Protein backbone atom coordinates (compact mmCIF):
# COMPACT_ATOMS: atom_id res chain seq x y z
CA MET A 1 -15.42 -1.13 -4.39
CA TYR A 2 -15.41 -0.83 -0.49
CA ILE A 3 -13.89 0.49 2.39
CA ARG A 4 -11.14 -1.72 4.21
CA LYS A 5 -10.44 -0.87 8.15
CA THR A 6 -7.09 -2.16 8.86
CA LYS A 7 -5.46 -2.25 12.42
CA THR A 8 -1.82 -1.47 12.53
CA ARG A 9 0.97 -0.32 14.78
CA SER A 10 3.12 2.52 14.97
CA THR A 11 6.94 1.90 14.35
CA SER A 12 8.17 4.35 16.80
CA THR A 13 5.81 3.74 19.83
CA GLY A 14 4.35 0.23 18.93
CA GLU A 15 0.93 1.59 19.43
CA ALA A 16 -2.01 -0.11 17.69
CA TYR A 17 -4.60 2.21 15.57
CA TYR A 18 -6.73 1.89 12.68
CA SER A 19 -6.32 3.24 8.94
CA TYR A 20 -9.01 3.15 6.34
CA ARG A 21 -8.67 2.61 2.28
CA LEU A 22 -11.01 2.10 -0.63
CA VAL A 23 -10.51 -0.80 -1.92
CA THR A 24 -11.25 -2.93 -5.16
CA SER A 25 -11.57 -6.50 -6.59
CA ALA A 26 -10.68 -8.39 -9.61
CA ARG A 27 -10.58 -11.35 -10.93
CA ILE A 28 -7.20 -11.84 -12.85
CA ASN A 29 -6.12 -15.48 -14.18
CA GLY A 30 -8.79 -17.07 -12.38
CA LYS A 31 -7.61 -15.33 -8.94
CA VAL A 32 -9.08 -12.51 -6.92
CA ARG A 33 -6.96 -9.45 -6.70
CA GLN A 34 -7.26 -6.32 -4.34
CA LYS A 35 -6.25 -3.32 -5.04
CA THR A 36 -5.78 -0.06 -2.71
CA LEU A 37 -6.99 2.67 -4.55
CA LEU A 38 -7.12 5.26 -1.83
CA ASN A 39 -5.82 5.84 1.48
CA LEU A 40 -8.64 7.43 3.84
CA GLY A 41 -6.07 8.05 7.02
CA SER A 42 -6.66 6.96 10.39
CA SER A 43 -9.15 10.06 11.17
CA PHE A 44 -11.86 8.86 8.74
CA ALA A 45 -14.99 9.55 10.55
CA LEU A 46 -17.88 8.67 8.68
CA PRO A 47 -19.95 5.93 10.28
CA GLU A 48 -19.70 2.24 8.69
CA GLU A 49 -23.25 1.70 7.85
CA LEU A 50 -22.43 4.50 5.44
CA TRP A 51 -19.62 3.01 3.91
CA PRO A 52 -21.49 1.11 1.07
CA GLU A 53 -23.38 3.98 -0.07
CA LEU A 54 -20.06 6.26 0.10
CA ALA A 55 -18.00 3.49 -1.93
CA CYS A 56 -20.72 2.96 -4.31
CA ARG A 57 -21.09 6.86 -5.15
CA ILE A 58 -17.23 7.15 -5.77
CA ASP A 59 -17.58 3.92 -8.30
CA GLN A 60 -19.97 5.59 -10.37
CA LEU A 61 -18.60 8.94 -9.92
CA VAL A 62 -15.33 6.93 -11.49
CA SER A 63 -17.21 5.12 -13.86
CA ARG A 64 -18.83 7.93 -16.01
């Protein structure tokens, strides 16, 4: 589980911005597939160096 930063564009103005998503990876039929678990939005303010720690903690909470 990890957090992905994705660059997107507004459909109305064409202005570029970043959105953040919580993503998981799994191997299915020999191929790696990624699935978005949660859209964190464009105003995700947590510093990037803390992302792995947050993803690990969320994984612990979900795995219980």
